[in-house]
All heavy atoms as atom14 arrays in JSON, in Angstrom:
{
  "sequence": "ISKKELDALLKEGDATEAALVLGAVEGFAQSLAFVIRRFTRLK",
  "atom14_mask": [
    [1, 1, 1, 1, 1, 1, 1, 1, 0, 0, 0, 0, 0, 0],
    [1, 1, 1, 1, 1, 1, 0, 0, 0, 0, 0, 0, 0, 0],
    [1, 1, 1, 1, 1, 1, 1, 1, 1, 0, 0, 0, 0, 0],
    [1, 1, 1, 1, 1, 1, 1, 1, 1, 0, 0, 0, 0, 0],
    [1, 1, 1, 1, 1, 1, 1, 1, 1, 0, 0, 0, 0, 0],
    [1, 1, 1, 1, 1, 1, 1, 1, 0, 0, 0, 0, 0, 0],
    [1, 1, 1, 1, 1, 1, 1, 1, 0, 0, 0, 0, 0, 0],
    [1, 1, 1, 1, 1, 0, 0, 0, 0, 0, 0, 0, 0, 0],
    [1, 1, 1, 1, 1, 1, 1, 1, 0, 0, 0, 0, 0, 0],
    [1, 1, 1, 1, 1, 1, 1, 1, 0, 0, 0, 0, 0, 0],
    [1, 1, 1, 1, 1, 1, 1, 1, 1, 0, 0, 0, 0, 0],
    [1, 1, 1, 1, 1, 1, 1, 1, 1, 0, 0, 0, 0, 0],
    [1, 1, 1, 1, 0, 0, 0, 0, 0, 0, 0, 0, 0, 0],
    [1, 1, 1, 1, 1, 1, 1, 1, 0, 0, 0, 0, 0, 0],
    [1, 1, 1, 1, 1, 0, 0, 0, 0, 0, 0, 0, 0, 0],
    [1, 1, 1, 1, 1, 1, 1, 0, 0, 0, 0, 0, 0, 0],
    [1, 1, 1, 1, 1, 1, 1, 1, 1, 0, 0, 0, 0, 0],
    [1, 1, 1, 1, 1, 0, 0, 0, 0, 0, 0, 0, 0, 0],
    [1, 1, 1, 1, 1, 0, 0, 0, 0, 0, 0, 0, 0, 0],
    [1, 1, 1, 1, 1, 1, 1, 1, 0, 0, 0, 0, 0, 0],
    [1, 1, 1, 1, 1, 1, 1, 0, 0, 0, 0, 0, 0, 0],
    [1, 1, 1, 1, 1, 1, 1, 1, 0, 0, 0, 0, 0, 0],
    [1, 1, 1, 1, 0, 0, 0, 0, 0, 0, 0, 0, 0, 0],
    [1, 1, 1, 1, 1, 0, 0, 0, 0, 0, 0, 0, 0, 0],
    [1, 1, 1, 1, 1, 1, 1, 0, 0, 0, 0, 0, 0, 0],
    [1, 1, 1, 1, 1, 1, 1, 1, 1, 0, 0, 0, 0, 0],
    [1, 1, 1, 1, 0, 0, 0, 0, 0, 0, 0, 0, 0, 0],
    [1, 1, 1, 1, 1, 1, 1, 1, 1, 1, 1, 0, 0, 0],
    [1, 1, 1, 1, 1, 0, 0, 0, 0, 0, 0, 0, 0, 0],
    [1, 1, 1, 1, 1, 1, 1, 1, 1, 0, 0, 0, 0, 0],
    [1, 1, 1, 1, 1, 1, 0, 0, 0, 0, 0, 0, 0, 0],
    [1, 1, 1, 1, 1, 1, 1, 1, 0, 0, 0, 0, 0, 0],
    [1, 1, 1, 1, 1, 0, 0, 0, 0, 0, 0, 0, 0, 0],
    [1, 1, 1, 1, 1, 1, 1, 1, 1, 1, 1, 0, 0, 0],
    [1, 1, 1, 1, 1, 1, 1, 0, 0, 0, 0, 0, 0, 0],
    [1, 1, 1, 1, 1, 1, 1, 1, 0, 0, 0, 0, 0, 0],
    [1, 1, 1, 1, 1, 1, 1, 1, 1, 1, 1, 0, 0, 0],
    [1, 1, 1, 1, 1, 1, 1, 1, 1, 1, 1, 0, 0, 0],
    [1, 1, 1, 1, 1, 1, 1, 1, 1, 1, 1, 0, 0, 0],
    [1, 1, 1, 1, 1, 1, 1, 0, 0, 0, 0, 0, 0, 0],
    [1, 1, 1, 1, 1, 1, 1, 1, 1, 1, 1, 0, 0, 0],
    [1, 1, 1, 1, 1, 1, 1, 1, 0, 0, 0, 0, 0, 0],
    [1, 1, 1, 1, 1, 1, 1, 1, 1, 0, 0, 0, 0, 0]
  ],
  "atom14_positions": [
    [[-42.41, -45.26, 23.28], [-41.93, -45.42, 21.89], [-41.26, -46.79, 21.78], [-40.3, -47.09, 22.49], [-40.94, -44.31, 21.51], [-41.58, -42.93, 21.7], [-40.48, -44.48, 20.07], [-40.62, -41.77, 21.48], [0.0, 0.0, 0.0], [0.0, 0.0, 0.0], [0.0, 0.0, 0.0], [0.0, 0.0, 0.0], [0.0, 0.0, 0.0], [0.0, 0.0, 0.0]],
    [[-41.76, -47.63, 20.91], [-41.26, -49.01, 20.81], [-39.92, -49.08, 20.09], [-39.51, -48.15, 19.39], [-42.27, -49.88, 20.07], [-42.33, -49.52, 18.69], [0.0, 0.0, 0.0], [0.0, 0.0, 0.0], [0.0, 0.0, 0.0], [0.0, 0.0, 0.0], [0.0, 0.0, 0.0], [0.0, 0.0, 0.0], [0.0, 0.0, 0.0], [0.0, 0.0, 0.0]],
    [[-39.26, -50.21, 20.26], [-37.99, -50.44, 19.56], [-38.21, -50.42, 18.04], [-37.38, -49.91, 17.29], [-37.38, -51.78, 19.98], [-36.98, -51.86, 21.45], [-36.14, -53.1, 21.73], [-36.89, -54.4, 21.55], [-37.86, -54.67, 22.62], [0.0, 0.0, 0.0], [0.0, 0.0, 0.0], [0.0, 0.0, 0.0], [0.0, 0.0, 0.0], [0.0, 0.0, 0.0]],
    [[-39.34, -50.96, 17.59], [-39.64, -50.97, 16.15], [-39.78, -49.55, 15.62], [-39.32, -49.24, 14.52], [-40.92, -51.77, 15.89], [-40.75, -53.28, 15.99], [-42.01, -53.99, 15.58], [-41.82, -55.51, 15.63], [-43.06, -56.22, 15.23], [0.0, 0.0, 0.0], [0.0, 0.0, 0.0], [0.0, 0.0, 0.0], [0.0, 0.0, 0.0], [0.0, 0.0, 0.0]],
    [[-40.42, -48.69, 16.39], [-40.6, -47.3, 15.96], [-39.25, -46.59, 15.89], [-38.99, -45.81, 14.96], [-41.54, -46.57, 16.92], [-42.99, -47.03, 16.82], [-43.87, -46.39, 17.87], [-43.51, -46.44, 19.08], [-44.92, -45.85, 17.5], [0.0, 0.0, 0.0], [0.0, 0.0, 0.0], [0.0, 0.0, 0.0], [0.0, 0.0, 0.0], [0.0, 0.0, 0.0]],
    [[-38.39, -46.84, 16.86], [-37.07, -46.22, 16.85], [-36.23, -46.74, 15.68], [-35.51, -45.98, 15.03], [-36.36, -46.47, 18.18], [-36.99, -45.8, 19.4], [-36.3, -46.26, 20.67], [-36.91, -44.28, 19.28], [0.0, 0.0, 0.0], [0.0, 0.0, 0.0], [0.0, 0.0, 0.0], [0.0, 0.0, 0.0], [0.0, 0.0, 0.0], [0.0, 0.0, 0.0]],
    [[-36.33, -48.05, 15.42], [-35.62, -48.62, 14.27], [-36.1, -47.97, 12.97], [-35.3, -47.68, 12.07], [-35.86, -50.13, 14.2], [-35.05, -50.89, 15.24], [-34.18, -50.27, 15.9], [-35.28, -52.1, 15.4], [0.0, 0.0, 0.0], [0.0, 0.0, 0.0], [0.0, 0.0, 0.0], [0.0, 0.0, 0.0], [0.0, 0.0, 0.0], [0.0, 0.0, 0.0]],
    [[-37.42, -47.74, 12.87], [-37.98, -47.12, 11.67], [-37.47, -45.69, 11.5], [-37.21, -45.24, 10.36], [-39.51, -47.13, 11.74], [0.0, 0.0, 0.0], [0.0, 0.0, 0.0], [0.0, 0.0, 0.0], [0.0, 0.0, 0.0], [0.0, 0.0, 0.0], [0.0, 0.0, 0.0], [0.0, 0.0, 0.0], [0.0, 0.0, 0.0], [0.0, 0.0, 0.0]],
    [[-37.31, -44.97, 12.6], [-36.79, -43.6, 12.52], [-35.35, -43.59, 12.0], [-34.96, -42.69, 11.24], [-36.85, -42.93, 13.89], [-38.25, -42.57, 14.41], [-38.17, -42.02, 15.83], [-38.91, -41.54, 13.49], [0.0, 0.0, 0.0], [0.0, 0.0, 0.0], [0.0, 0.0, 0.0], [0.0, 0.0, 0.0], [0.0, 0.0, 0.0], [0.0, 0.0, 0.0]],
    [[-34.57, -44.6, 12.38], [-33.2, -44.69, 11.87], [-33.2, -44.9, 10.36], [-32.37, -44.33, 9.64], [-32.47, -45.86, 12.54], [-31.89, -45.64, 13.93], [-31.24, -46.92, 14.42], [-30.88, -44.51, 13.93], [0.0, 0.0, 0.0], [0.0, 0.0, 0.0], [0.0, 0.0, 0.0], [0.0, 0.0, 0.0], [0.0, 0.0, 0.0], [0.0, 0.0, 0.0]],
    [[-34.14, -45.7, 9.88], [-34.14, -46.06, 8.47], [-34.91, -45.09, 7.6], [-34.5, -44.77, 6.48], [-34.74, -47.47, 8.32], [-34.71, -48.03, 6.91], [-35.26, -49.44, 6.88], [-35.22, -50.01, 5.46], [-35.77, -51.38, 5.41], [0.0, 0.0, 0.0], [0.0, 0.0, 0.0], [0.0, 0.0, 0.0], [0.0, 0.0, 0.0], [0.0, 0.0, 0.0]],
    [[-36.04, -44.61, 8.12], [-36.95, -43.83, 7.28], [-37.2, -42.4, 7.79], [-37.82, -41.6, 7.09], [-38.3, -44.56, 7.19], [-38.19, -45.98, 6.65], [-39.43, -46.8, 6.9], [-40.39, -46.24, 7.48], [-39.44, -47.99, 6.55], [0.0, 0.0, 0.0], [0.0, 0.0, 0.0], [0.0, 0.0, 0.0], [0.0, 0.0, 0.0], [0.0, 0.0, 0.0]],
    [[-36.77, -42.08, 9.01], [-37.02, -40.75, 9.55], [-36.16, -39.69, 8.87], [-35.21, -40.01, 8.15], [0.0, 0.0, 0.0], [0.0, 0.0, 0.0], [0.0, 0.0, 0.0], [0.0, 0.0, 0.0], [0.0, 0.0, 0.0], [0.0, 0.0, 0.0], [0.0, 0.0, 0.0], [0.0, 0.0, 0.0], [0.0, 0.0, 0.0], [0.0, 0.0, 0.0]],
    [[-36.5, -38.44, 9.13], [-35.65, -37.38, 8.56], [-34.34, -37.31, 9.35], [-34.15, -38.02, 10.34], [-36.38, -36.04, 8.56], [-36.74, -35.52, 9.95], [-35.98, -35.79, 10.91], [-37.79, -34.85, 10.09], [0.0, 0.0, 0.0], [0.0, 0.0, 0.0], [0.0, 0.0, 0.0], [0.0, 0.0, 0.0], [0.0, 0.0, 0.0], [0.0, 0.0, 0.0]],
    [[-33.46, -36.45, 8.91], [-32.11, -36.41, 9.49], [-32.13, -36.1, 10.97], [-31.37, -36.69, 11.76], [-31.27, -35.37, 8.74], [0.0, 0.0, 0.0], [0.0, 0.0, 0.0], [0.0, 0.0, 0.0], [0.0, 0.0, 0.0], [0.0, 0.0, 0.0], [0.0, 0.0, 0.0], [0.0, 0.0, 0.0], [0.0, 0.0, 0.0], [0.0, 0.0, 0.0]],
    [[-33.01, -35.19, 11.4], [-33.07, -34.82, 12.82], [-33.55, -35.99, 13.68], [-33.0, -36.26, 14.75], [-34.01, -33.61, 13.01], [-33.53, -32.52, 12.24], [-34.05, -33.21, 14.48], [0.0, 0.0, 0.0], [0.0, 0.0, 0.0], [0.0, 0.0, 0.0], [0.0, 0.0, 0.0], [0.0, 0.0, 0.0], [0.0, 0.0, 0.0], [0.0, 0.0, 0.0]],
    [[-34.58, -36.68, 13.2], [-35.1, -37.84, 13.94], [-34.05, -38.93, 14.07], [-33.83, -39.49, 15.15], [-36.35, -38.37, 13.25], [-37.54, -37.43, 13.32], [-38.68, -37.87, 12.43], [-38.43, -38.56, 11.41], [-39.84, -37.52, 12.73], [0.0, 0.0, 0.0], [0.0, 0.0, 0.0], [0.0, 0.0, 0.0], [0.0, 0.0, 0.0], [0.0, 0.0, 0.0]],
    [[-33.41, -39.26, 12.95], [-32.39, -40.31, 12.97], [-31.21, -39.91, 13.85], [-30.67, -40.73, 14.61], [-31.9, -40.59, 11.54], [0.0, 0.0, 0.0], [0.0, 0.0, 0.0], [0.0, 0.0, 0.0], [0.0, 0.0, 0.0], [0.0, 0.0, 0.0], [0.0, 0.0, 0.0], [0.0, 0.0, 0.0], [0.0, 0.0, 0.0], [0.0, 0.0, 0.0]],
    [[-30.81, -38.64, 13.79], [-29.69, -38.16, 14.6], [-30.01, -38.22, 16.08], [-29.14, -38.53, 16.91], [-29.32, -36.73, 14.2], [0.0, 0.0, 0.0], [0.0, 0.0, 0.0], [0.0, 0.0, 0.0], [0.0, 0.0, 0.0], [0.0, 0.0, 0.0], [0.0, 0.0, 0.0], [0.0, 0.0, 0.0], [0.0, 0.0, 0.0], [0.0, 0.0, 0.0]],
    [[-31.26, -37.93, 16.42], [-31.69, -38.0, 17.82], [-31.57, -39.43, 18.35], [-31.03, -39.66, 19.44], [-33.13, -37.5, 17.95], [-33.78, -37.58, 19.35], [-32.96, -36.79, 20.36], [-35.2, -37.07, 19.29], [0.0, 0.0, 0.0], [0.0, 0.0, 0.0], [0.0, 0.0, 0.0], [0.0, 0.0, 0.0], [0.0, 0.0, 0.0], [0.0, 0.0, 0.0]],
    [[-32.04, -40.38, 17.56], [-31.95, -41.79, 17.98], [-30.49, -42.22, 18.06], [-30.08, -42.92, 19.01], [-32.73, -42.69, 17.01], [-32.57, -44.16, 17.41], [-34.21, -42.32, 17.0], [0.0, 0.0, 0.0], [0.0, 0.0, 0.0], [0.0, 0.0, 0.0], [0.0, 0.0, 0.0], [0.0, 0.0, 0.0], [0.0, 0.0, 0.0], [0.0, 0.0, 0.0]],
    [[-29.69, -41.81, 17.1], [-28.27, -42.16, 17.12], [-27.57, -41.55, 18.34], [-26.65, -42.15, 18.91], [-27.58, -41.69, 15.84], [-27.84, -42.54, 14.6], [-27.25, -41.87, 13.36], [-27.24, -43.94, 14.78], [0.0, 0.0, 0.0], [0.0, 0.0, 0.0], [0.0, 0.0, 0.0], [0.0, 0.0, 0.0], [0.0, 0.0, 0.0], [0.0, 0.0, 0.0]],
    [[-28.0, -40.36, 18.74], [-27.43, -39.75, 19.94], [-27.71, -40.58, 21.18], [-26.83, -40.75, 22.03], [0.0, 0.0, 0.0], [0.0, 0.0, 0.0], [0.0, 0.0, 0.0], [0.0, 0.0, 0.0], [0.0, 0.0, 0.0], [0.0, 0.0, 0.0], [0.0, 0.0, 0.0], [0.0, 0.0, 0.0], [0.0, 0.0, 0.0], [0.0, 0.0, 0.0]],
    [[-28.92, -41.13, 21.26], [-29.26, -42.0, 22.39], [-28.48, -43.3, 22.33], [-28.03, -43.83, 23.36], [-30.76, -42.28, 22.4], [0.0, 0.0, 0.0], [0.0, 0.0, 0.0], [0.0, 0.0, 0.0], [0.0, 0.0, 0.0], [0.0, 0.0, 0.0], [0.0, 0.0, 0.0], [0.0, 0.0, 0.0], [0.0, 0.0, 0.0], [0.0, 0.0, 0.0]],
    [[-28.28, -43.81, 21.11], [-27.48, -45.03, 20.94], [-26.05, -44.79, 21.43], [-25.47, -45.63, 22.13], [-27.47, -45.48, 19.45], [-26.4, -46.55, 19.21], [-28.84, -46.0, 19.05], [0.0, 0.0, 0.0], [0.0, 0.0, 0.0], [0.0, 0.0, 0.0], [0.0, 0.0, 0.0], [0.0, 0.0, 0.0], [0.0, 0.0, 0.0], [0.0, 0.0, 0.0]],
    [[-25.49, -43.65, 21.07], [-24.12, -43.32, 21.5], [-24.04, -43.22, 23.03], [-23.12, -43.76, 23.65], [-23.68, -42.01, 20.87], [-22.33, -41.48, 21.37], [-21.16, -42.37, 21.0], [-21.29, -43.15, 20.03], [-20.12, -42.28, 21.67], [0.0, 0.0, 0.0], [0.0, 0.0, 0.0], [0.0, 0.0, 0.0], [0.0, 0.0, 0.0], [0.0, 0.0, 0.0]],
    [[-25.01, -42.54, 23.64], [-25.01, -42.42, 25.1], [-25.12, -43.76, 25.78], [-24.41, -44.04, 26.76], [0.0, 0.0, 0.0], [0.0, 0.0, 0.0], [0.0, 0.0, 0.0], [0.0, 0.0, 0.0], [0.0, 0.0, 0.0], [0.0, 0.0, 0.0], [0.0, 0.0, 0.0], [0.0, 0.0, 0.0], [0.0, 0.0, 0.0], [0.0, 0.0, 0.0]],
    [[-26.0, -44.61, 25.25], [-26.16, -45.94, 25.85], [-24.91, -46.79, 25.65], [-24.5, -47.54, 26.55], [-27.38, -46.65, 25.23], [-27.65, -48.0, 25.82], [-28.35, -48.13, 27.01], [-27.17, -49.15, 25.21], [-28.58, -49.38, 27.57], [-27.4, -50.4, 25.76], [-28.11, -50.51, 26.94], [0.0, 0.0, 0.0], [0.0, 0.0, 0.0], [0.0, 0.0, 0.0]],
    [[-24.29, -46.69, 24.47], [-23.07, -47.45, 24.2], [-21.96, -47.06, 25.18], [-21.21, -47.92, 25.67], [-22.61, -47.22, 22.77], [0.0, 0.0, 0.0], [0.0, 0.0, 0.0], [0.0, 0.0, 0.0], [0.0, 0.0, 0.0], [0.0, 0.0, 0.0], [0.0, 0.0, 0.0], [0.0, 0.0, 0.0], [0.0, 0.0, 0.0], [0.0, 0.0, 0.0]],
    [[-21.86, -45.78, 25.48], [-20.88, -45.33, 26.47], [-21.17, -45.93, 27.85], [-20.25, -46.35, 28.56], [-20.88, -43.8, 26.55], [-20.42, -43.07, 25.29], [-18.92, -43.14, 25.08], [-18.16, -43.54, 25.98], [-18.46, -42.71, 23.9], [0.0, 0.0, 0.0], [0.0, 0.0, 0.0], [0.0, 0.0, 0.0], [0.0, 0.0, 0.0], [0.0, 0.0, 0.0]],
    [[-22.46, -45.99, 28.19], [-22.85, -46.57, 29.48], [-22.55, -48.07, 29.51], [-22.07, -48.6, 30.52], [-24.34, -46.35, 29.73], [-24.63, -44.98, 29.89], [0.0, 0.0, 0.0], [0.0, 0.0, 0.0], [0.0, 0.0, 0.0], [0.0, 0.0, 0.0], [0.0, 0.0, 0.0], [0.0, 0.0, 0.0], [0.0, 0.0, 0.0], [0.0, 0.0, 0.0]],
    [[-22.84, -48.76, 28.39], [-22.56, -50.2, 28.32], [-21.07, -50.47, 28.45], [-20.65, -51.39, 29.16], [-23.09, -50.76, 27.0], [-22.86, -52.26, 26.74], [-23.46, -53.1, 27.85], [-23.45, -52.65, 25.38], [0.0, 0.0, 0.0], [0.0, 0.0, 0.0], [0.0, 0.0, 0.0], [0.0, 0.0, 0.0], [0.0, 0.0, 0.0], [0.0, 0.0, 0.0]],
    [[-20.25, -49.65, 27.79], [-18.8, -49.8, 27.91], [-18.34, -49.57, 29.35], [-17.46, -50.28, 29.86], [-18.09, -48.83, 26.96], [0.0, 0.0, 0.0], [0.0, 0.0, 0.0], [0.0, 0.0, 0.0], [0.0, 0.0, 0.0], [0.0, 0.0, 0.0], [0.0, 0.0, 0.0], [0.0, 0.0, 0.0], [0.0, 0.0, 0.0], [0.0, 0.0, 0.0]],
    [[-18.95, -48.6, 30.01], [-18.63, -48.33, 31.42], [-18.95, -49.54, 32.29], [-18.15, -49.95, 33.14], [-19.42, -47.11, 31.91], [-19.36, -46.9, 33.4], [-18.26, -46.28, 33.98], [-20.39, -47.34, 34.23], [-18.2, -46.1, 35.37], [-20.33, -47.17, 35.6], [-19.23, -46.54, 36.17], [0.0, 0.0, 0.0], [0.0, 0.0, 0.0], [0.0, 0.0, 0.0]],
    [[-20.13, -50.13, 32.08], [-20.53, -51.3, 32.86], [-19.55, -52.46, 32.63], [-19.14, -53.14, 33.58], [-21.97, -51.72, 32.5], [-22.31, -53.08, 33.12], [-22.96, -50.66, 32.97], [0.0, 0.0, 0.0], [0.0, 0.0, 0.0], [0.0, 0.0, 0.0], [0.0, 0.0, 0.0], [0.0, 0.0, 0.0], [0.0, 0.0, 0.0], [0.0, 0.0, 0.0]],
    [[-19.17, -52.68, 31.39], [-18.24, -53.77, 31.08], [-16.88, -53.52, 31.75], [-16.26, -54.46, 32.28], [-18.09, -53.93, 29.56], [-19.41, -54.48, 28.98], [-16.91, -54.85, 29.21], [-19.46, -54.49, 27.47], [0.0, 0.0, 0.0], [0.0, 0.0, 0.0], [0.0, 0.0, 0.0], [0.0, 0.0, 0.0], [0.0, 0.0, 0.0], [0.0, 0.0, 0.0]],
    [[-16.42, -52.28, 31.76], [-15.16, -51.98, 32.46], [-15.26, -52.38, 33.93], [-14.31, -52.93, 34.5], [-14.84, -50.49, 32.36], [-14.42, -50.01, 31.0], [-13.95, -48.56, 31.04], [-14.21, -47.88, 29.78], [-15.17, -47.01, 29.57], [-16.0, -46.67, 30.57], [-15.33, -46.45, 28.39], [0.0, 0.0, 0.0], [0.0, 0.0, 0.0], [0.0, 0.0, 0.0]],
    [[-16.38, -52.07, 34.56], [-16.56, -52.4, 35.96], [-16.6, -53.91, 36.19], [-16.02, -54.42, 37.16], [-17.85, -51.76, 36.5], [-17.76, -50.23, 36.64], [-16.69, -49.82, 37.66], [-16.86, -50.45, 38.95], [-17.62, -49.98, 39.94], [-18.25, -48.83, 39.79], [-17.72, -50.62, 41.09], [0.0, 0.0, 0.0], [0.0, 0.0, 0.0], [0.0, 0.0, 0.0]],
    [[-17.28, -54.62, 35.29], [-17.35, -56.08, 35.45], [-15.97, -56.71, 35.29], [-15.61, -57.65, 36.02], [-18.32, -56.68, 34.43], [-19.74, -56.78, 34.94], [-20.65, -55.77, 34.7], [-20.15, -57.89, 35.67], [-21.96, -55.85, 35.17], [-21.45, -57.98, 36.15], [-22.36, -56.98, 35.9], [0.0, 0.0, 0.0], [0.0, 0.0, 0.0], [0.0, 0.0, 0.0]],
    [[-15.19, -56.23, 34.33], [-13.89, -56.85, 34.08], [-12.87, -56.55, 35.18], [-11.78, -57.12, 35.18], [-13.32, -56.4, 32.72], [-13.28, -54.97, 32.65], [-14.17, -56.94, 31.58], [0.0, 0.0, 0.0], [0.0, 0.0, 0.0], [0.0, 0.0, 0.0], [0.0, 0.0, 0.0], [0.0, 0.0, 0.0], [0.0, 0.0, 0.0], [0.0, 0.0, 0.0]],
    [[-13.22, -55.7, 36.12], [-12.37, -55.5, 37.29], [-12.58, -56.58, 38.34], [-11.79, -56.71, 39.28], [-12.66, -54.12, 37.9], [-12.04, -52.97, 37.09], [-12.65, -51.63, 37.4], [-12.68, -51.3, 38.82], [-13.22, -50.2, 39.32], [-13.79, -49.3, 38.5], [-13.21, -49.95, 40.61], [0.0, 0.0, 0.0], [0.0, 0.0, 0.0], [0.0, 0.0, 0.0]],
    [[-13.65, -57.36, 38.19], [-13.93, -58.44, 39.13], [-13.09, -59.67, 38.81], [-12.76, -59.93, 37.65], [-15.41, -58.81, 39.08], [-16.42, -57.7, 39.4], [-17.83, -58.18, 39.14], [-16.25, -57.24, 40.84], [0.0, 0.0, 0.0], [0.0, 0.0, 0.0], [0.0, 0.0, 0.0], [0.0, 0.0, 0.0], [0.0, 0.0, 0.0], [0.0, 0.0, 0.0]],
    [[-12.78, -60.45, 39.82], [-11.91, -61.61, 39.65], [-12.45, -62.58, 38.6], [-11.71, -63.05, 37.73], [-11.77, -62.34, 40.99], [-10.89, -63.58, 40.92], [-10.8, -64.24, 42.29], [-9.96, -65.52, 42.21], [-9.89, -66.2, 43.54], [0.0, 0.0, 0.0], [0.0, 0.0, 0.0], [0.0, 0.0, 0.0], [0.0, 0.0, 0.0], [0.0, 0.0, 0.0]]
  ]
}
């Protein structure tokens, strides 16, 4: 599933489709924040 298709689901998909993509965005954002915390512990 391409990034363009996922972007389209956010904009034009039904509520369940958009919510599913947003759920993945939230999970990834949490992971990105975790990675940044680890990097900022380095000198």
